[in-house]
ModelCIF file with pLDDT and N, C-alpha, C, O atoms, coordinates in Angstrom:
data_MODEL
#
_entry.id   MODEL 
#
_entity.id                         1 
_entity.type                       polymer 
_entity.pdbx_number_of_molecules   1 
#
_entity_poly.entity_id                      1 
_entity_poly.type                           'polypeptide(L)' 
_entity_poly.nstd_linkage                   no 
_entity_poly.nstd_monomer                   no 
_entity_poly.pdbx_seq_one_letter_code       
;(UNK)(UNK)(UNK)(UNK)(UNK)(UNK)(UNK)(UNK)(UNK)(UNK)(UNK)(UNK)(UNK)(UNK)(UNK)(UNK)
(UNK)(UNK)(UNK)(UNK)(UNK)(UNK)(UNK)(UNK)(UNK)(UNK)(UNK)(UNK)(UNK)(UNK)(UNK)(UNK)
(UNK)(UNK)
;
_entity_poly.pdbx_seq_one_letter_code_can   XXXXXXXXXXXXXXXXXXXXXXXXXXXXXXXXXX 
_entity_poly.pdbx_strand_id                 A 
#
loop_
_entity_poly_seq.entity_id 
_entity_poly_seq.num 
_entity_poly_seq.mon_id 
_entity_poly_seq.hetero 
1 1  UNK n 
1 2  UNK n 
1 3  UNK n 
1 4  UNK n 
1 5  UNK n 
1 6  UNK n 
1 7  UNK n 
1 8  UNK n 
1 9  UNK n 
1 10 UNK n 
1 11 UNK n 
1 12 UNK n 
1 13 UNK n 
1 14 UNK n 
1 15 UNK n 
1 16 UNK n 
1 17 UNK n 
1 18 UNK n 
1 19 UNK n 
1 20 UNK n 
1 21 UNK n 
1 22 UNK n 
1 23 UNK n 
1 24 UNK n 
1 25 UNK n 
1 26 UNK n 
1 27 UNK n 
1 28 UNK n 
1 29 UNK n 
1 30 UNK n 
1 31 UNK n 
1 32 UNK n 
1 33 UNK n 
1 34 UNK n 
#
_struct_asym.id          A 
_struct_asym.entity_id   1 
#
loop_
_ma_qa_metric.id 
_ma_qa_metric.mode 
_ma_qa_metric.name 
_ma_qa_metric.software_group_id 
_ma_qa_metric.type 
1 global pLDDT . pLDDT 
2 local  pLDDT . pLDDT 
#
_ma_qa_metric_global.metric_id      1 
_ma_qa_metric_global.metric_value   95.50 
_ma_qa_metric_global.model_id       1 
_ma_qa_metric_global.ordinal_id     1 
#
loop_
_ma_qa_metric_local.label_asym_id 
_ma_qa_metric_local.label_comp_id 
_ma_qa_metric_local.label_seq_id 
_ma_qa_metric_local.metric_id 
_ma_qa_metric_local.metric_value 
_ma_qa_metric_local.model_id 
_ma_qa_metric_local.ordinal_id 
A UNK 1  2 95.00 1 1  
A UNK 2  2 96.00 1 2  
A UNK 3  2 96.00 1 3  
A UNK 4  2 94.00 1 4  
A UNK 5  2 94.00 1 5  
A UNK 6  2 93.00 1 6  
A UNK 7  2 92.00 1 7  
A UNK 8  2 93.00 1 8  
A UNK 9  2 93.00 1 9  
A UNK 10 2 95.00 1 10 
A UNK 11 2 96.00 1 11 
A UNK 12 2 97.00 1 12 
A UNK 13 2 98.00 1 13 
A UNK 14 2 98.00 1 14 
A UNK 15 2 98.00 1 15 
A UNK 16 2 97.00 1 16 
A UNK 17 2 96.00 1 17 
A UNK 18 2 97.00 1 18 
A UNK 19 2 98.00 1 19 
A UNK 20 2 97.00 1 20 
A UNK 21 2 97.00 1 21 
A UNK 22 2 97.00 1 22 
A UNK 23 2 96.00 1 23 
A UNK 24 2 96.00 1 24 
A UNK 25 2 97.00 1 25 
A UNK 26 2 96.00 1 26 
A UNK 27 2 96.00 1 27 
A UNK 28 2 96.00 1 28 
A UNK 29 2 96.00 1 29 
A UNK 30 2 96.00 1 30 
A UNK 31 2 95.00 1 31 
A UNK 32 2 93.00 1 32 
A UNK 33 2 92.00 1 33 
A UNK 34 2 91.00 1 34 
#
loop_
_atom_site.group_PDB 
_atom_site.id 
_atom_site.type_symbol 
_atom_site.label_atom_id 
_atom_site.label_alt_id 
_atom_site.label_comp_id 
_atom_site.label_asym_id 
_atom_site.label_entity_id 
_atom_site.label_seq_id 
_atom_site.pdbx_PDB_ins_code 
_atom_site.Cartn_x 
_atom_site.Cartn_y 
_atom_site.Cartn_z 
_atom_site.occupancy 
_atom_site.B_iso_or_equiv 
_atom_site.pdbx_formal_charge 
_atom_site.auth_seq_id 
_atom_site.auth_comp_id 
_atom_site.auth_asym_id 
_atom_site.auth_atom_id 
_atom_site.pdbx_PDB_model_num 
ATOM 1   N N  . UNK A 1 1  ? 2.671   27.745 -38.162 1.00 95.00 ? 1  UNK A N  1 
ATOM 2   C CA . UNK A 1 1  ? 4.465   28.101 -37.253 1.00 95.00 ? 1  UNK A CA 1 
ATOM 3   C C  . UNK A 1 1  ? 4.039   28.794 -36.626 1.00 95.00 ? 1  UNK A C  1 
ATOM 4   O O  . UNK A 1 1  ? 5.140   29.205 -36.261 1.00 95.00 ? 1  UNK A O  1 
ATOM 5   N N  . UNK A 1 2  ? 3.367   29.397 -36.078 1.00 96.00 ? 2  UNK A N  1 
ATOM 6   C CA . UNK A 1 2  ? 3.667   30.342 -34.843 1.00 96.00 ? 2  UNK A CA 1 
ATOM 7   C C  . UNK A 1 2  ? 3.437   29.345 -33.467 1.00 96.00 ? 2  UNK A C  1 
ATOM 8   O O  . UNK A 1 2  ? 2.967   28.230 -33.688 1.00 96.00 ? 2  UNK A O  1 
ATOM 9   N N  . UNK A 1 3  ? 3.790   29.758 -31.912 1.00 96.00 ? 3  UNK A N  1 
ATOM 10  C CA . UNK A 1 3  ? 3.380   29.012 -31.023 1.00 96.00 ? 3  UNK A CA 1 
ATOM 11  C C  . UNK A 1 3  ? 3.525   30.429 -29.629 1.00 96.00 ? 3  UNK A C  1 
ATOM 12  O O  . UNK A 1 3  ? 4.452   31.233 -29.530 1.00 96.00 ? 3  UNK A O  1 
ATOM 13  N N  . UNK A 1 4  ? 2.505   30.342 -28.885 1.00 94.00 ? 4  UNK A N  1 
ATOM 14  C CA . UNK A 1 4  ? 2.612   31.273 -27.994 1.00 94.00 ? 4  UNK A CA 1 
ATOM 15  C C  . UNK A 1 4  ? 3.934   30.843 -27.359 1.00 94.00 ? 4  UNK A C  1 
ATOM 16  O O  . UNK A 1 4  ? 4.591   29.803 -27.366 1.00 94.00 ? 4  UNK A O  1 
ATOM 17  N N  . UNK A 1 5  ? 4.082   32.200 -26.739 1.00 94.00 ? 5  UNK A N  1 
ATOM 18  C CA . UNK A 1 5  ? 5.585   32.318 -25.837 1.00 94.00 ? 5  UNK A CA 1 
ATOM 19  C C  . UNK A 1 5  ? 5.766   32.280 -24.814 1.00 94.00 ? 5  UNK A C  1 
ATOM 20  O O  . UNK A 1 5  ? 6.907   32.217 -24.355 1.00 94.00 ? 5  UNK A O  1 
ATOM 21  N N  . UNK A 1 6  ? 4.139   32.318 -23.725 1.00 93.00 ? 6  UNK A N  1 
ATOM 22  C CA . UNK A 1 6  ? 4.013   31.850 -22.703 1.00 93.00 ? 6  UNK A CA 1 
ATOM 23  C C  . UNK A 1 6  ? 4.242   30.276 -22.442 1.00 93.00 ? 6  UNK A C  1 
ATOM 24  O O  . UNK A 1 6  ? 5.216   29.714 -21.941 1.00 93.00 ? 6  UNK A O  1 
ATOM 25  N N  . UNK A 1 7  ? 2.664   29.578 -23.093 1.00 92.00 ? 7  UNK A N  1 
ATOM 26  C CA . UNK A 1 7  ? 2.689   28.319 -23.009 1.00 92.00 ? 7  UNK A CA 1 
ATOM 27  C C  . UNK A 1 7  ? 3.175   27.160 -24.094 1.00 92.00 ? 7  UNK A C  1 
ATOM 28  O O  . UNK A 1 7  ? 3.200   25.956 -23.838 1.00 92.00 ? 7  UNK A O  1 
ATOM 29  N N  . UNK A 1 8  ? 3.549   27.755 -25.337 1.00 93.00 ? 8  UNK A N  1 
ATOM 30  C CA . UNK A 1 8  ? 4.140   26.560 -26.455 1.00 93.00 ? 8  UNK A CA 1 
ATOM 31  C C  . UNK A 1 8  ? 2.757   26.257 -26.534 1.00 93.00 ? 8  UNK A C  1 
ATOM 32  O O  . UNK A 1 8  ? 2.647   25.240 -25.848 1.00 93.00 ? 8  UNK A O  1 
ATOM 33  N N  . UNK A 1 9  ? 1.122   26.694 -27.181 1.00 93.00 ? 9  UNK A N  1 
ATOM 34  C CA . UNK A 1 9  ? 0.755   26.479 -27.664 1.00 93.00 ? 9  UNK A CA 1 
ATOM 35  C C  . UNK A 1 9  ? 0.479   26.826 -28.981 1.00 93.00 ? 9  UNK A C  1 
ATOM 36  O O  . UNK A 1 9  ? 0.479   28.034 -29.217 1.00 93.00 ? 9  UNK A O  1 
ATOM 37  N N  . UNK A 1 10 ? 0.232   26.027 -29.938 1.00 95.00 ? 10 UNK A N  1 
ATOM 38  C CA . UNK A 1 10 ? -0.590  26.562 -31.419 1.00 95.00 ? 10 UNK A CA 1 
ATOM 39  C C  . UNK A 1 10 ? -1.393  27.840 -31.876 1.00 95.00 ? 10 UNK A C  1 
ATOM 40  O O  . UNK A 1 10 ? -2.406  28.094 -31.225 1.00 95.00 ? 10 UNK A O  1 
ATOM 41  N N  . UNK A 1 11 ? -1.047  28.703 -32.958 1.00 96.00 ? 11 UNK A N  1 
ATOM 42  C CA . UNK A 1 11 ? -1.409  29.644 -33.065 1.00 96.00 ? 11 UNK A CA 1 
ATOM 43  C C  . UNK A 1 11 ? -2.214  29.245 -34.303 1.00 96.00 ? 11 UNK A C  1 
ATOM 44  O O  . UNK A 1 11 ? -1.512  28.863 -35.239 1.00 96.00 ? 11 UNK A O  1 
ATOM 45  N N  . UNK A 1 12 ? -3.638  29.251 -34.527 1.00 97.00 ? 12 UNK A N  1 
ATOM 46  C CA . UNK A 1 12 ? -3.870  28.843 -35.955 1.00 97.00 ? 12 UNK A CA 1 
ATOM 47  C C  . UNK A 1 12 ? -4.815  30.146 -36.640 1.00 97.00 ? 12 UNK A C  1 
ATOM 48  O O  . UNK A 1 12 ? -5.270  31.028 -35.911 1.00 97.00 ? 12 UNK A O  1 
ATOM 49  N N  . UNK A 1 13 ? -5.042  30.133 -38.163 1.00 98.00 ? 13 UNK A N  1 
ATOM 50  C CA . UNK A 1 13 ? -5.614  31.206 -38.400 1.00 98.00 ? 13 UNK A CA 1 
ATOM 51  C C  . UNK A 1 13 ? -5.809  30.943 -40.016 1.00 98.00 ? 13 UNK A C  1 
ATOM 52  O O  . UNK A 1 13 ? -5.569  29.953 -40.708 1.00 98.00 ? 13 UNK A O  1 
ATOM 53  N N  . UNK A 1 14 ? -6.333  32.215 -40.322 1.00 98.00 ? 14 UNK A N  1 
ATOM 54  C CA . UNK A 1 14 ? -7.184  31.837 -41.444 1.00 98.00 ? 14 UNK A CA 1 
ATOM 55  C C  . UNK A 1 14 ? -7.581  33.019 -42.130 1.00 98.00 ? 14 UNK A C  1 
ATOM 56  O O  . UNK A 1 14 ? -8.450  33.577 -41.461 1.00 98.00 ? 14 UNK A O  1 
ATOM 57  N N  . UNK A 1 15 ? -7.179  33.991 -43.755 1.00 98.00 ? 15 UNK A N  1 
ATOM 58  C CA . UNK A 1 15 ? -8.338  34.772 -43.986 1.00 98.00 ? 15 UNK A CA 1 
ATOM 59  C C  . UNK A 1 15 ? -9.905  34.476 -43.551 1.00 98.00 ? 15 UNK A C  1 
ATOM 60  O O  . UNK A 1 15 ? -10.690 33.530 -43.486 1.00 98.00 ? 15 UNK A O  1 
ATOM 61  N N  . UNK A 1 16 ? -9.867  35.482 -43.371 1.00 97.00 ? 16 UNK A N  1 
ATOM 62  C CA . UNK A 1 16 ? -11.567 35.386 -42.961 1.00 97.00 ? 16 UNK A CA 1 
ATOM 63  C C  . UNK A 1 16 ? -12.415 35.479 -44.256 1.00 97.00 ? 16 UNK A C  1 
ATOM 64  O O  . UNK A 1 16 ? -13.599 35.155 -44.164 1.00 97.00 ? 16 UNK A O  1 
ATOM 65  N N  . UNK A 1 17 ? -11.866 35.942 -45.614 1.00 96.00 ? 17 UNK A N  1 
ATOM 66  C CA . UNK A 1 17 ? -12.557 35.351 -46.416 1.00 96.00 ? 17 UNK A CA 1 
ATOM 67  C C  . UNK A 1 17 ? -12.911 33.780 -46.909 1.00 96.00 ? 17 UNK A C  1 
ATOM 68  O O  . UNK A 1 17 ? -13.944 33.226 -47.284 1.00 96.00 ? 17 UNK A O  1 
ATOM 69  N N  . UNK A 1 18 ? -11.891 33.465 -46.765 1.00 97.00 ? 18 UNK A N  1 
ATOM 70  C CA . UNK A 1 18 ? -11.432 31.971 -46.983 1.00 97.00 ? 18 UNK A CA 1 
ATOM 71  C C  . UNK A 1 18 ? -12.434 30.964 -45.806 1.00 97.00 ? 18 UNK A C  1 
ATOM 72  O O  . UNK A 1 18 ? -12.592 29.814 -46.215 1.00 97.00 ? 18 UNK A O  1 
ATOM 73  N N  . UNK A 1 19 ? -13.029 31.239 -44.584 1.00 98.00 ? 19 UNK A N  1 
ATOM 74  C CA . UNK A 1 19 ? -12.994 30.563 -43.968 1.00 98.00 ? 19 UNK A CA 1 
ATOM 75  C C  . UNK A 1 19 ? -14.923 30.062 -44.128 1.00 98.00 ? 19 UNK A C  1 
ATOM 76  O O  . UNK A 1 19 ? -15.919 30.678 -44.507 1.00 98.00 ? 19 UNK A O  1 
ATOM 77  N N  . UNK A 1 20 ? -14.679 28.664 -43.611 1.00 97.00 ? 20 UNK A N  1 
ATOM 78  C CA . UNK A 1 20 ? -15.926 27.922 -43.941 1.00 97.00 ? 20 UNK A CA 1 
ATOM 79  C C  . UNK A 1 20 ? -17.178 28.654 -43.586 1.00 97.00 ? 20 UNK A C  1 
ATOM 80  O O  . UNK A 1 20 ? -18.115 28.965 -44.321 1.00 97.00 ? 20 UNK A O  1 
ATOM 81  N N  . UNK A 1 21 ? -17.011 28.859 -42.354 1.00 97.00 ? 21 UNK A N  1 
ATOM 82  C CA . UNK A 1 21 ? -18.523 29.023 -41.869 1.00 97.00 ? 21 UNK A CA 1 
ATOM 83  C C  . UNK A 1 21 ? -19.215 30.806 -42.550 1.00 97.00 ? 21 UNK A C  1 
ATOM 84  O O  . UNK A 1 21 ? -20.404 31.079 -42.716 1.00 97.00 ? 21 UNK A O  1 
ATOM 85  N N  . UNK A 1 22 ? -18.364 31.462 -42.737 1.00 97.00 ? 22 UNK A N  1 
ATOM 86  C CA . UNK A 1 22 ? -18.615 33.115 -42.766 1.00 97.00 ? 22 UNK A CA 1 
ATOM 87  C C  . UNK A 1 22 ? -18.460 32.564 -44.476 1.00 97.00 ? 22 UNK A C  1 
ATOM 88  O O  . UNK A 1 22 ? -19.327 33.384 -44.777 1.00 97.00 ? 22 UNK A O  1 
ATOM 89  N N  . UNK A 1 23 ? -18.250 32.156 -45.314 1.00 96.00 ? 23 UNK A N  1 
ATOM 90  C CA . UNK A 1 23 ? -18.453 31.594 -46.520 1.00 96.00 ? 23 UNK A CA 1 
ATOM 91  C C  . UNK A 1 23 ? -19.936 30.998 -47.146 1.00 96.00 ? 23 UNK A C  1 
ATOM 92  O O  . UNK A 1 23 ? -20.705 31.405 -48.017 1.00 96.00 ? 23 UNK A O  1 
ATOM 93  N N  . UNK A 1 24 ? -19.920 30.019 -46.387 1.00 96.00 ? 24 UNK A N  1 
ATOM 94  C CA . UNK A 1 24 ? -21.334 29.234 -46.604 1.00 96.00 ? 24 UNK A CA 1 
ATOM 95  C C  . UNK A 1 24 ? -22.815 30.164 -45.605 1.00 96.00 ? 24 UNK A C  1 
ATOM 96  O O  . UNK A 1 24 ? -23.944 29.707 -45.784 1.00 96.00 ? 24 UNK A O  1 
ATOM 97  N N  . UNK A 1 25 ? -22.657 31.352 -44.674 1.00 97.00 ? 25 UNK A N  1 
ATOM 98  C CA . UNK A 1 25 ? -23.565 32.205 -44.400 1.00 97.00 ? 25 UNK A CA 1 
ATOM 99  C C  . UNK A 1 25 ? -24.829 33.148 -45.834 1.00 97.00 ? 25 UNK A C  1 
ATOM 100 O O  . UNK A 1 25 ? -24.796 34.074 -46.645 1.00 97.00 ? 25 UNK A O  1 
ATOM 101 N N  . UNK A 1 26 ? -25.599 32.265 -45.408 1.00 96.00 ? 26 UNK A N  1 
ATOM 102 C CA . UNK A 1 26 ? -26.800 33.318 -46.006 1.00 96.00 ? 26 UNK A CA 1 
ATOM 103 C C  . UNK A 1 26 ? -27.813 33.197 -45.958 1.00 96.00 ? 26 UNK A C  1 
ATOM 104 O O  . UNK A 1 26 ? -28.613 32.270 -45.831 1.00 96.00 ? 26 UNK A O  1 
ATOM 105 N N  . UNK A 1 27 ? -27.833 35.362 -46.187 1.00 96.00 ? 27 UNK A N  1 
ATOM 106 C CA . UNK A 1 27 ? -28.757 36.049 -45.342 1.00 96.00 ? 27 UNK A CA 1 
ATOM 107 C C  . UNK A 1 27 ? -30.184 35.771 -46.512 1.00 96.00 ? 27 UNK A C  1 
ATOM 108 O O  . UNK A 1 27 ? -30.143 35.891 -47.736 1.00 96.00 ? 27 UNK A O  1 
ATOM 109 N N  . UNK A 1 28 ? -31.376 35.376 -45.656 1.00 96.00 ? 28 UNK A N  1 
ATOM 110 C CA . UNK A 1 28 ? -32.569 35.365 -46.365 1.00 96.00 ? 28 UNK A CA 1 
ATOM 111 C C  . UNK A 1 28 ? -33.928 35.900 -45.195 1.00 96.00 ? 28 UNK A C  1 
ATOM 112 O O  . UNK A 1 28 ? -34.080 36.567 -44.172 1.00 96.00 ? 28 UNK A O  1 
ATOM 113 N N  . UNK A 1 29 ? -34.661 35.127 -46.121 1.00 96.00 ? 29 UNK A N  1 
ATOM 114 C CA . UNK A 1 29 ? -35.640 35.540 -45.112 1.00 96.00 ? 29 UNK A CA 1 
ATOM 115 C C  . UNK A 1 29 ? -36.811 34.349 -44.718 1.00 96.00 ? 29 UNK A C  1 
ATOM 116 O O  . UNK A 1 29 ? -37.175 33.692 -45.693 1.00 96.00 ? 29 UNK A O  1 
ATOM 117 N N  . UNK A 1 30 ? -37.411 34.011 -43.473 1.00 96.00 ? 30 UNK A N  1 
ATOM 118 C CA . UNK A 1 30 ? -38.255 32.845 -42.717 1.00 96.00 ? 30 UNK A CA 1 
ATOM 119 C C  . UNK A 1 30 ? -39.278 32.613 -43.793 1.00 96.00 ? 30 UNK A C  1 
ATOM 120 O O  . UNK A 1 30 ? -39.988 33.454 -44.345 1.00 96.00 ? 30 UNK A O  1 
ATOM 121 N N  . UNK A 1 31 ? -39.232 31.552 -43.952 1.00 95.00 ? 31 UNK A N  1 
ATOM 122 C CA . UNK A 1 31 ? -40.470 30.560 -45.366 1.00 95.00 ? 31 UNK A CA 1 
ATOM 123 C C  . UNK A 1 31 ? -41.355 29.825 -44.428 1.00 95.00 ? 31 UNK A C  1 
ATOM 124 O O  . UNK A 1 31 ? -41.176 29.232 -43.364 1.00 95.00 ? 31 UNK A O  1 
ATOM 125 N N  . UNK A 1 32 ? -42.455 30.090 -45.253 1.00 93.00 ? 32 UNK A N  1 
ATOM 126 C CA . UNK A 1 32 ? -43.782 29.827 -44.885 1.00 93.00 ? 32 UNK A CA 1 
ATOM 127 C C  . UNK A 1 32 ? -43.884 27.798 -44.230 1.00 93.00 ? 32 UNK A C  1 
ATOM 128 O O  . UNK A 1 32 ? -44.983 27.300 -43.987 1.00 93.00 ? 32 UNK A O  1 
ATOM 129 N N  . UNK A 1 33 ? -43.033 27.274 -44.128 1.00 92.00 ? 33 UNK A N  1 
ATOM 130 C CA . UNK A 1 33 ? -43.282 26.423 -43.716 1.00 92.00 ? 33 UNK A CA 1 
ATOM 131 C C  . UNK A 1 33 ? -42.035 25.495 -42.560 1.00 92.00 ? 33 UNK A C  1 
ATOM 132 O O  . UNK A 1 33 ? -41.009 25.975 -42.080 1.00 92.00 ? 33 UNK A O  1 
ATOM 133 N N  . UNK A 1 34 ? -42.330 24.727 -42.459 1.00 91.00 ? 34 UNK A N  1 
ATOM 134 C CA . UNK A 1 34 ? -40.487 23.625 -41.961 1.00 91.00 ? 34 UNK A CA 1 
ATOM 135 C C  . UNK A 1 34 ? -40.086 22.788 -42.314 1.00 91.00 ? 34 UNK A C  1 
ATOM 136 O O  . UNK A 1 34 ? -39.022 22.371 -41.857 1.00 91.00 ? 34 UNK A O  1 
#
């Protein structure tokens, strides 16, 4: 519900903790097969 005061374009946002790629990023190690 916010617009840029210069061109009227929309602002989009979210809590980082709820951002899909942040939630789904997995830290691991390279496996020995494809």
